[in-house]
Amino acid sequence: MEATYFEIGQQVEQAVARGQGMRVELDLGVIELWGDDLLAEWEAIAPGEGFVVLEVLDPEPDTAGSGNQSSVTVYSTPDCIQCAATKRELDKQGVTYTEVDLSTDTQAHTYVTETLGYQQAPVVEVAGRHWYGYRPDLIRSIAA
């Protein structure tokens, strides 16, 4: 049985309260959302519109000061404003990262679109966690 709009809303609120995220399917594709972004995306959806919860994601263990910065990968494209902003913020926070150009690396493009489920850049991956878009809050959390 498919969850109702009200039941999904309760799942979203509970996940945010627990520090969890969700992998959801929206009209733009499959994405991971956390915290305020998850709430904002849910609140923007009208009843009956596509918002399918695929998975509730447990919060990542606190990695502050653990030196996981070397495992940061930024999948980007040329002339992408959010990609440039993400890289600027990583640089500002002193986070070392590897940049992968999705326009020239077909294997990376397949990984990001088919394995991770993203249709937009940038995609940032660190210690098994990933997100898309310019997320200074998450960048600051990995820089801590």
Foldseek 3Di string as FASTA:
>chain_A
DADFLVRVVVVLVVLQVQQKWFFWQAPQKTFIDTHPRSVVVSVVDDGPHGIGTPDIGHHDPQCVPVPQLAQKEKEFEPPDPQSVLQVVLLVVLVRDYHYHHCVPDVVVVCCCCPVVIDDDDTWMDTPRDIGHGNDSVVSNSVSD
